[in-house]
Protein backbone atom coordinates (compact mmCIF):
# COMPACT_ATOMS: atom_id res chain seq x y z
CA UNK A 1 11.47 101.94 199.00
CA UNK A 2 13.10 99.63 196.51
CA UNK A 3 13.75 100.92 193.00
CA UNK A 4 12.83 98.56 190.21
CA UNK A 5 15.87 97.97 188.02
CA UNK A 6 14.96 97.90 184.34
CA UNK A 7 17.21 95.66 182.29
CA UNK A 8 18.63 97.35 179.24
CA UNK A 9 20.23 96.31 175.98
CA UNK A 10 22.27 98.45 173.61
CA UNK A 11 20.93 99.11 170.13
CA UNK A 12 24.29 98.14 168.58
CA UNK A 13 24.06 94.75 170.36
CA UNK A 14 20.63 94.11 168.83
CA UNK A 15 21.84 95.01 165.33
CA UNK A 16 24.73 92.54 165.80
CA UNK A 17 22.28 89.73 166.67
CA UNK A 18 19.17 90.65 164.64
CA UNK A 19 20.44 92.62 161.63
CA UNK A 20 19.85 96.18 160.42
CA UNK A 21 16.26 97.37 160.83
CA UNK A 22 14.10 99.34 158.45
CA UNK A 23 11.79 102.16 159.48
CA UNK A 24 8.16 101.07 159.21
CA UNK A 25 5.53 103.71 158.51
CA UNK A 26 1.91 103.19 159.49
CA UNK A 27 -0.33 104.11 156.55
CA UNK A 28 -3.45 102.52 157.95
CA UNK A 29 -4.93 101.33 161.25
CA UNK A 30 -2.52 98.86 162.89
CA UNK A 31 -5.29 96.24 163.18
CA UNK A 32 -5.90 96.42 159.41
CA UNK A 33 -2.19 96.31 158.48
CA UNK A 34 -1.49 92.65 157.74
CA UNK A 35 2.25 93.14 157.20
CA UNK A 36 2.54 94.91 160.58
CA UNK A 37 0.56 92.17 162.33
CA UNK A 38 2.86 89.51 160.83
CA UNK A 39 5.95 91.37 162.10
CA UNK A 40 4.44 91.67 165.59
CA UNK A 41 3.69 87.90 165.63
CA UNK A 42 7.26 87.12 164.56
CA UNK A 43 8.60 89.47 167.30
CA UNK A 44 10.48 91.56 164.72
CA UNK A 45 8.99 94.94 165.58
CA UNK A 46 10.49 97.55 167.89
CA UNK A 47 8.65 100.68 169.03
CA UNK A 48 10.93 103.69 169.55
CA UNK A 49 9.71 106.32 172.01
CA UNK A 50 11.15 109.43 173.68
CA UNK A 51 11.90 109.38 177.40
CA UNK A 52 11.14 112.28 179.75
CA UNK A 53 14.75 113.43 179.27
CA UNK A 54 14.27 113.50 175.49
CA UNK A 55 16.41 110.46 174.64
CA UNK A 56 15.12 107.79 172.28
CA UNK A 57 14.62 104.29 173.68
CA UNK A 58 13.05 101.18 172.24
CA UNK A 59 10.79 98.41 173.42
CA UNK A 60 10.18 95.13 171.66
CA UNK A 61 6.69 94.88 170.24
CA UNK A 62 4.02 97.34 169.23
CA UNK A 63 2.97 100.26 171.40
CA UNK A 64 0.67 102.66 169.61
CA UNK A 65 1.62 106.30 170.12
CA UNK A 66 1.59 109.43 167.96
CA UNK A 67 5.26 110.08 168.83
CA UNK A 68 6.40 106.49 168.24
CA UNK A 69 8.57 105.32 165.38
CA UNK A 70 8.61 101.66 164.38
CA UNK A 71 11.54 99.52 163.27
CA UNK A 72 11.29 96.10 161.63
CA UNK A 73 14.26 93.75 162.03
CA UNK A 74 15.26 90.83 159.76
CA UNK A 75 15.42 88.44 162.77
CA UNK A 76 13.33 87.95 165.92
CA UNK A 77 13.87 90.28 168.90
CA UNK A 78 12.41 87.73 171.35
CA UNK A 79 15.58 87.49 173.47
CA UNK A 80 15.38 91.26 174.13
CA UNK A 81 11.64 91.38 174.88
CA UNK A 82 11.94 92.19 178.60
CA UNK A 83 14.52 94.94 178.06
CA UNK A 84 14.57 98.65 177.38
CA UNK A 85 16.72 99.31 174.30
CA UNK A 86 19.07 102.25 174.73
CA UNK A 87 21.68 103.99 172.61
CA UNK A 88 19.59 104.14 169.45
CA UNK A 89 21.83 105.19 166.59
CA UNK A 90 19.73 106.30 163.62
CA UNK A 91 22.75 106.03 161.28
CA UNK A 92 22.50 102.23 161.67
CA UNK A 93 18.91 102.14 160.40
CA UNK A 94 18.24 101.41 156.71
CA UNK A 95 16.06 103.90 154.84
């Protein structure tokens, strides 16, 4: 059995390339949120989830989940879209 190797990127690396993100709070249905939809189209949204081990990790794009937190970046995350983002440091996120 061959294990699938997931490519990863460090959160600090993404901040270096794409700027400091802001936390985005969903106040309405994602489909009705025009600002959110624009950020998804521009590939500037990251969904932060918890792994089985309890660590936070991110994925580029929108994945709806009750436990998810969303970050919007000043620049596109397209180059990181196939990667799992690890090492999320909440002190680097703008309030």
